[in-house]
Amino acid sequence: MAAFSNLYNIEDFVAAYEMVNTANYLTRIDILASERELVEDELRFMGITPATLFPGFEGACKSLRAELF
């Protein structure tokens, strides 16, 4: 899924909206570098790849790079 917005800084907009509505809409998760391969394998198993995140030529190149190098 892709989303587009005309907002320059959508993160600040969402943060302000969260304060007004006292709700959480964005969550940041830090993943250790040592867990990268495991996480990438699990995402690939779920069908989430660079090609699905970045449709088009760029996504295809990123997927090939991740797979071959």
PDB file of N, CA and C in Angstrom:
ATOM      1  N   MET A   1       0.844  -1.174   0.000  1.00  0.00           N
ATOM      2  CA  MET A   1       0.000   0.000   0.000  1.00  0.00           C
ATOM      3  C   MET A   1       0.891   1.239   0.000  1.00  0.00           C
ATOM      4  N   ALA A   2       0.536   2.203  -0.768  1.00  0.00           N
ATOM      5  CA  ALA A   2       1.273   3.463  -0.817  1.00  0.00           C
ATOM      6  C   ALA A   2       0.321   4.606  -0.488  1.00  0.00           C
ATOM      7  N   ALA A   3       0.858   5.640   0.108  1.00  0.00           N
ATOM      8  CA  ALA A   3       0.048   6.808   0.443  1.00  0.00           C
ATOM      9  C   ALA A   3       0.783   8.068  -0.003  1.00  0.00           C
ATOM     10  N   PHE A   4       0.034   9.021  -0.450  1.00  0.00           N
ATOM     11  CA  PHE A   4       0.594  10.293  -0.883  1.00  0.00           C
ATOM     12  C   PHE A   4      -0.100  11.418  -0.134  1.00  0.00           C
ATOM     13  N   SER A   5       0.641  12.485   0.085  1.00  0.00           N
ATOM     14  CA  SER A   5       0.083  13.614   0.814  1.00  0.00           C
ATOM     15  C   SER A   5       0.697  14.903   0.291  1.00  0.00           C
ATOM     16  N   ASN A   6      -0.054  15.983   0.426  1.00  0.00           N
ATOM     17  CA  ASN A   6       0.482  17.285   0.048  1.00  0.00           C
ATOM     18  C   ASN A   6       1.095  18.006   1.253  1.00  0.00           C
ATOM     19  N   LEU A   7       1.185  17.328   2.378  1.00  0.00           N
ATOM     20  CA  LEU A   7       1.799  17.901   3.574  1.00  0.00           C
ATOM     21  C   LEU A   7       3.310  17.783   3.488  1.00  0.00           C
ATOM     22  N   TYR A   8       4.009  18.850   3.852  1.00  0.00           N
ATOM     23  CA  TYR A   8       5.467  18.836   3.809  1.00  0.00           C
ATOM     24  C   TYR A   8       6.039  17.896   4.870  1.00  0.00           C
ATOM     25  N   ASN A   9       5.505  17.954   6.090  1.00  0.00           N
ATOM     26  CA  ASN A   9       5.988  17.113   7.176  1.00  0.00           C
ATOM     27  C   ASN A   9       4.796  16.406   7.808  1.00  0.00           C
ATOM     28  N   ILE A  10       4.462  15.268   7.271  1.00  0.00           N
ATOM     29  CA  ILE A  10       3.268  14.553   7.721  1.00  0.00           C
ATOM     30  C   ILE A  10       3.431  14.022   9.144  1.00  0.00           C
ATOM     31  N   GLU A  11       4.672  13.725   9.559  1.00  0.00           N
ATOM     32  CA  GLU A  11       4.881  13.224  10.916  1.00  0.00           C
ATOM     33  C   GLU A  11       4.481  14.257  11.968  1.00  0.00           C
ATOM     34  N   ASP A  12       4.826  15.522  11.756  1.00  0.00           N
ATOM     35  CA  ASP A  12       4.424  16.570  12.698  1.00  0.00           C
ATOM     36  C   ASP A  12       2.912  16.745  12.706  1.00  0.00           C
ATOM     37  N   PHE A  13       2.284  16.643  11.540  1.00  0.00           N
ATOM     38  CA  PHE A  13       0.830  16.750  11.460  1.00  0.00           C
ATOM     39  C   PHE A  13       0.175  15.624  12.263  1.00  0.00           C
ATOM     40  N   VAL A  14       0.638  14.403  12.081  1.00  0.00           N
ATOM     41  CA  VAL A  14       0.060  13.266  12.804  1.00  0.00           C
ATOM     42  C   VAL A  14       0.312  13.411  14.301  1.00  0.00           C
ATOM     43  N   ALA A  15       1.508  13.868  14.681  1.00  0.00           N
ATOM     44  CA  ALA A  15       1.814  14.070  16.107  1.00  0.00           C
ATOM     45  C   ALA A  15       0.865  15.085  16.729  1.00  0.00           C
ATOM     46  N   ALA A  16       0.590  16.179  16.043  1.00  0.00           N
ATOM     47  CA  ALA A  16      -0.350  17.187  16.549  1.00  0.00           C
ATOM     48  C   ALA A  16      -1.755  16.603  16.637  1.00  0.00           C
ATOM     49  N   TYR A  17      -2.139  15.827  15.646  1.00  0.00           N
ATOM     50  CA  TYR A  17      -3.463  15.189  15.638  1.00  0.00           C
ATOM     51  C   TYR A  17      -3.583  14.199  16.802  1.00  0.00           C
ATOM     52  N   GLU A  18      -2.493  13.482  17.104  1.00  0.00           N
ATOM     53  CA  GLU A  18      -2.500  12.559  18.234  1.00  0.00           C
ATOM     54  C   GLU A  18      -2.711  13.299  19.546  1.00  0.00           C
ATOM     55  N   MET A  19      -2.087  14.472  19.698  1.00  0.00           N
ATOM     56  CA  MET A  19      -2.225  15.240  20.940  1.00  0.00           C
ATOM     57  C   MET A  19      -3.660  15.713  21.135  1.00  0.00           C
ATOM     58  N   VAL A  20      -4.290  16.151  20.054  1.00  0.00           N
ATOM     59  CA  VAL A  20      -5.666  16.649  20.139  1.00  0.00           C
ATOM     60  C   VAL A  20      -6.631  15.516  20.471  1.00  0.00           C
ATOM     61  N   ASN A  21      -6.426  14.355  19.847  1.00  0.00           N
ATOM     62  CA  ASN A  21      -7.363  13.235  20.008  1.00  0.00           C
ATOM     63  C   ASN A  21      -6.931  12.223  21.061  1.00  0.00           C
ATOM     64  N   THR A  22      -5.830  12.478  21.743  1.00  0.00           N
ATOM     65  CA  THR A  22      -5.270  11.570  22.748  1.00  0.00           C
ATOM     66  C   THR A  22      -5.307  10.114  22.278  1.00  0.00           C
ATOM     67  N   ALA A  23      -4.739   9.885  21.107  1.00  0.00           N
ATOM     68  CA  ALA A  23      -4.663   8.536  20.536  1.00  0.00           C
ATOM     69  C   ALA A  23      -3.310   8.372  19.863  1.00  0.00           C
ATOM     70  N   ASN A  24      -2.885   7.142  19.680  1.00  0.00           N
ATOM     71  CA  ASN A  24      -1.636   6.839  18.985  1.00  0.00           C
ATOM     72  C   ASN A  24      -1.941   6.331  17.584  1.00  0.00           C
ATOM     73  N   TYR A  25      -1.312   6.943  16.586  1.00  0.00           N
ATOM     74  CA  TYR A  25      -1.486   6.518  15.200  1.00  0.00           C
ATOM     75  C   TYR A  25      -0.178   6.025  14.593  1.00  0.00           C
ATOM     76  N   LEU A  26       0.955   6.524  15.086  1.00  0.00           N
ATOM     77  CA  LEU A  26       2.260   6.093  14.596  1.00  0.00           C
ATOM     78  C   LEU A  26       3.059   5.512  15.750  1.00  0.00           C
ATOM     79  N   THR A  27       3.778   4.430  15.464  1.00  0.00           N
ATOM     80  CA  THR A  27       4.641   3.812  16.453  1.00  0.00           C
ATOM     81  C   THR A  27       5.997   3.553  15.816  1.00  0.00           C
ATOM     82  N   ARG A  28       7.051   3.907  16.510  1.00  0.00           N
ATOM     83  CA  ARG A  28       8.403   3.666  16.018  1.00  0.00           C
ATOM     84  C   ARG A  28       8.930   2.410  16.691  1.00  0.00           C
ATOM     85  N   ILE A  29       9.497   1.540  15.864  1.00  0.00           N
ATOM     86  CA  ILE A  29      10.071   0.305  16.376  1.00  0.00           C
ATOM     87  C   ILE A  29      11.511   0.224  15.893  1.00  0.00           C
ATOM     88  N   ASP A  30      12.445   0.093  16.814  1.00  0.00           N
ATOM     89  CA  ASP A  30      13.857  -0.068  16.472  1.00  0.00           C
ATOM     90  C   ASP A  30      14.194  -1.554  16.458  1.00  0.00           C
ATOM     91  N   ILE A  31      14.852  -1.976  15.392  1.00  0.00           N
ATOM     92  CA  ILE A  31      15.242  -3.378  15.248  1.00  0.00           C
ATOM     93  C   ILE A  31      16.771  -3.437  15.246  1.00  0.00           C
ATOM     94  N   LEU A  32      17.320  -4.342  16.019  1.00  0.00           N
ATOM     95  CA  LEU A  32      18.763  -4.501  16.092  1.00  0.00           C
ATOM     96  C   LEU A  32      19.318  -4.948  14.738  1.00  0.00           C
ATOM     97  N   ALA A  33      20.493  -4.452  14.406  1.00  0.00           N
ATOM     98  CA  ALA A  33      21.136  -4.832  13.146  1.00  0.00           C
ATOM     99  C   ALA A  33      21.375  -6.337  13.090  1.00  0.00           C
ATOM    100  N   SER A  34      21.623  -6.955  14.230  1.00  0.00           N
ATOM    101  CA  SER A  34      21.854  -8.403  14.266  1.00  0.00           C
ATOM    102  C   SER A  34      20.602  -9.199  13.912  1.00  0.00           C
ATOM    103  N   GLU A  35      19.428  -8.586  13.985  1.00  0.00           N
ATOM    104  CA  GLU A  35      18.161  -9.245  13.673  1.00  0.00           C
ATOM    105  C   GLU A  35      17.691  -8.987  12.237  1.00  0.00           C
ATOM    106  N   ARG A  36      18.484  -8.253  11.468  1.00  0.00           N
ATOM    107  CA  ARG A  36      18.066  -7.823  10.138  1.00  0.00           C
ATOM    108  C   ARG A  36      17.668  -8.987   9.227  1.00  0.00           C
ATOM    109  N   GLU A  37      18.524  -9.998   9.120  1.00  0.00           N
ATOM    110  CA  GLU A  37      18.228 -11.115   8.221  1.00  0.00           C
ATOM    111  C   GLU A  37      16.953 -11.837   8.619  1.00  0.00           C
ATOM    112  N   LEU A  38      16.772 -12.066   9.902  1.00  0.00           N
ATOM    113  CA  LEU A  38      15.567 -12.741  10.384  1.00  0.00           C
ATOM    114  C   LEU A  38      14.323 -11.934  10.046  1.00  0.00           C
ATOM    115  N   VAL A  39      14.378 -10.636  10.299  1.00  0.00           N
ATOM    116  CA  VAL A  39      13.227  -9.766  10.022  1.00  0.00           C
ATOM    117  C   VAL A  39      12.935  -9.712   8.523  1.00  0.00           C
ATOM    118  N   GLU A  40      13.988  -9.573   7.705  1.00  0.00           N
ATOM    119  CA  GLU A  40      13.780  -9.549   6.258  1.00  0.00           C
ATOM    120  C   GLU A  40      13.175 -10.856   5.756  1.00  0.00           C
ATOM    121  N   ASP A  41      13.610 -11.991   6.298  1.00  0.00           N
ATOM    122  CA  ASP A  41      13.040 -13.285   5.916  1.00  0.00           C
ATOM    123  C   ASP A  41      11.560 -13.365   6.283  1.00  0.00           C
ATOM    124  N   GLU A  42      11.219 -12.899   7.481  1.00  0.00           N
ATOM    125  CA  GLU A  42       9.822 -12.929   7.913  1.00  0.00           C
ATOM    126  C   GLU A  42       8.955 -12.005   7.057  1.00  0.00           C
ATOM    127  N   LEU A  43       9.469 -10.821   6.735  1.00  0.00           N
ATOM    128  CA  LEU A  43       8.724  -9.903   5.875  1.00  0.00           C
ATOM    129  C   LEU A  43       8.531 -10.499   4.479  1.00  0.00           C
ATOM    130  N   ARG A  44       9.587 -11.124   3.944  1.00  0.00           N
ATOM    131  CA  ARG A  44       9.488 -11.754   2.633  1.00  0.00           C
ATOM    132  C   ARG A  44       8.442 -12.865   2.663  1.00  0.00           C
ATOM    133  N   PHE A  45       8.399 -13.637   3.751  1.00  0.00           N
ATOM    134  CA  PHE A  45       7.402 -14.694   3.919  1.00  0.00           C
ATOM    135  C   PHE A  45       5.984 -14.128   3.892  1.00  0.00           C
ATOM    136  N   MET A  46       5.822 -12.909   4.409  1.00  0.00           N
ATOM    137  CA  MET A  46       4.508 -12.241   4.415  1.00  0.00           C
ATOM    138  C   MET A  46       4.222 -11.512   3.107  1.00  0.00           C
ATOM    139  N   GLY A  47       5.172 -11.546   2.174  1.00  0.00           N
ATOM    140  CA  GLY A  47       4.959 -10.892   0.888  1.00  0.00           C
ATOM    141  C   GLY A  47       5.342  -9.431   0.865  1.00  0.00           C
ATOM    142  N   ILE A  48       6.110  -9.000   1.855  1.00  0.00           N
ATOM    143  CA  ILE A  48       6.548  -7.607   1.917  1.00  0.00           C
ATOM    144  C   ILE A  48       7.999  -7.557   1.465  1.00  0.00           C
ATOM    145  N   THR A  49       8.222  -7.010   0.284  1.00  0.00           N
ATOM    146  CA  THR A  49       9.553  -6.918  -0.308  1.00  0.00           C
ATOM    147  C   THR A  49       9.778  -5.493  -0.798  1.00  0.00           C
ATOM    148  N   PRO A  50      11.002  -5.149  -1.166  1.00  0.00           N
ATOM    149  CA  PRO A  50      11.225  -3.817  -1.744  1.00  0.00           C
ATOM    150  C   PRO A  50      10.343  -3.565  -2.970  1.00  0.00           C
ATOM    151  N   ALA A  51      10.074  -4.618  -3.741  1.00  0.00           N
ATOM    152  CA  ALA A  51       9.231  -4.452  -4.934  1.00  0.00           C
ATOM    153  C   ALA A  51       7.792  -4.104  -4.570  1.00  0.00           C
ATOM    154  N   THR A  52       7.291  -4.616  -3.444  1.00  0.00           N
ATOM    155  CA  THR A  52       5.920  -4.285  -3.039  1.00  0.00           C
ATOM    156  C   THR A  52       5.852  -2.932  -2.340  1.00  0.00           C
ATOM    157  N   LEU A  53       6.949  -2.540  -1.669  1.00  0.00           N
ATOM    158  CA  LEU A  53       6.974  -1.242  -0.995  1.00  0.00           C
ATOM    159  C   LEU A  53       7.231  -0.094  -1.960  1.00  0.00           C
ATOM    160  N   PHE A  54       8.047  -0.358  -2.994  1.00  0.00           N
ATOM    161  CA  PHE A  54       8.417   0.664  -3.975  1.00  0.00           C
ATOM    162  C   PHE A  54       8.093   0.152  -5.370  1.00  0.00           C
ATOM    163  N   PRO A  55       6.836   0.241  -5.790  1.00  0.00           N
ATOM    164  CA  PRO A  55       6.471  -0.276  -7.106  1.00  0.00           C
ATOM    165  C   PRO A  55       7.220   0.465  -8.217  1.00  0.00           C
ATOM    166  N   GLY A  56       7.545  -0.260  -9.264  1.00  0.00           N
ATOM    167  CA  GLY A  56       8.233   0.344 -10.392  1.00  0.00           C
ATOM    168  C   GLY A  56       9.671  -0.107 -10.485  1.00  0.00           C
ATOM    169  N   PHE A  57      10.424   0.622 -11.270  1.00  0.00           N
ATOM    170  CA  PHE A  57      11.812   0.271 -11.553  1.00  0.00           C
ATOM    171  C   PHE A  57      12.669   0.247 -10.294  1.00  0.00           C
ATOM    172  N   GLU A  58      12.512   1.251  -9.434  1.00  0.00           N
ATOM    173  CA  GLU A  58      13.318   1.330  -8.213  1.00  0.00           C
ATOM    174  C   GLU A  58      13.086   0.117  -7.322  1.00  0.00           C
ATOM    175  N   GLY A  59      11.843  -0.267  -7.135  1.00  0.00           N
ATOM    176  CA  GLY A  59      11.527  -1.427  -6.302  1.00  0.00           C
ATOM    177  C   GLY A  59      12.068  -2.716  -6.880  1.00  0.00           C
ATOM    178  N   ALA A  60      11.986  -2.847  -8.199  1.00  0.00           N
ATOM    179  CA  ALA A  60      12.521  -4.046  -8.849  1.00  0.00           C
ATOM    180  C   ALA A  60      14.024  -4.134  -8.646  1.00  0.00           C
ATOM    181  N   CYS A  61      14.715  -3.030  -8.784  1.00  0.00           N
ATOM    182  CA  CYS A  61      16.171  -3.006  -8.578  1.00  0.00           C
ATOM    183  C   CYS A  61      16.532  -3.316  -7.131  1.00  0.00           C
ATOM    184  N   LYS A  62      15.792  -2.751  -6.184  1.00  0.00           N
ATOM    185  CA  LYS A  62      16.065  -3.009  -4.766  1.00  0.00           C
ATOM    186  C   LYS A  62      15.822  -4.478  -4.436  1.00  0.00           C
ATOM    187  N   SER A  63      14.780  -5.074  -4.999  1.00  0.00           N
ATOM    188  CA  SER A  63      14.499  -6.492  -4.751  1.00  0.00           C
ATOM    189  C   SER A  63      15.605  -7.369  -5.307  1.00  0.00           C
ATOM    190  N   LEU A  64      16.043  -7.075  -6.517  1.00  0.00           N
ATOM    191  CA  LEU A  64      17.130  -7.851  -7.113  1.00  0.00           C
ATOM    192  C   LEU A  64      18.418  -7.709  -6.303  1.00  0.00           C
ATOM    193  N   ARG A  65      18.691  -6.499  -5.855  1.00  0.00           N
ATOM    194  CA  ARG A  65      19.885  -6.248  -5.054  1.00  0.00           C
ATOM    195  C   ARG A  65      19.830  -7.042  -3.746  1.00  0.00           C
ATOM    196  N   ALA A  66      18.667  -7.037  -3.092  1.00  0.00           N
ATOM    197  CA  ALA A  66      18.519  -7.756  -1.823  1.00  0.00           C
ATOM    198  C   ALA A  66      18.643  -9.262  -2.035  1.00  0.00           C
ATOM    199  N   GLU A  67      18.169  -9.747  -3.159  1.00  0.00           N
ATOM    200  CA  GLU A  67      18.179 -11.175  -3.421  1.00  0.00           C
ATOM    201  C   GLU A  67      19.542 -11.691  -3.886  1.00  0.00           C
ATOM    202  N   LEU A  68      20.226 -10.882  -4.696  1.00  0.00           N
ATOM    203  CA  LEU A  68      21.452 -11.365  -5.338  1.00  0.00           C
ATOM    204  C   LEU A  68      22.742 -10.943  -4.659  1.00  0.00           C
ATOM    205  N   PHE A  69      22.727  -9.860  -3.893  1.00  0.00           N
ATOM    206  CA  PHE A  69      23.982  -9.356  -3.334  1.00  0.00           C
ATOM    207  C   PHE A  69      23.975  -9.340  -1.835  1.00  0.00           C
TER     208      PHE A  69
END
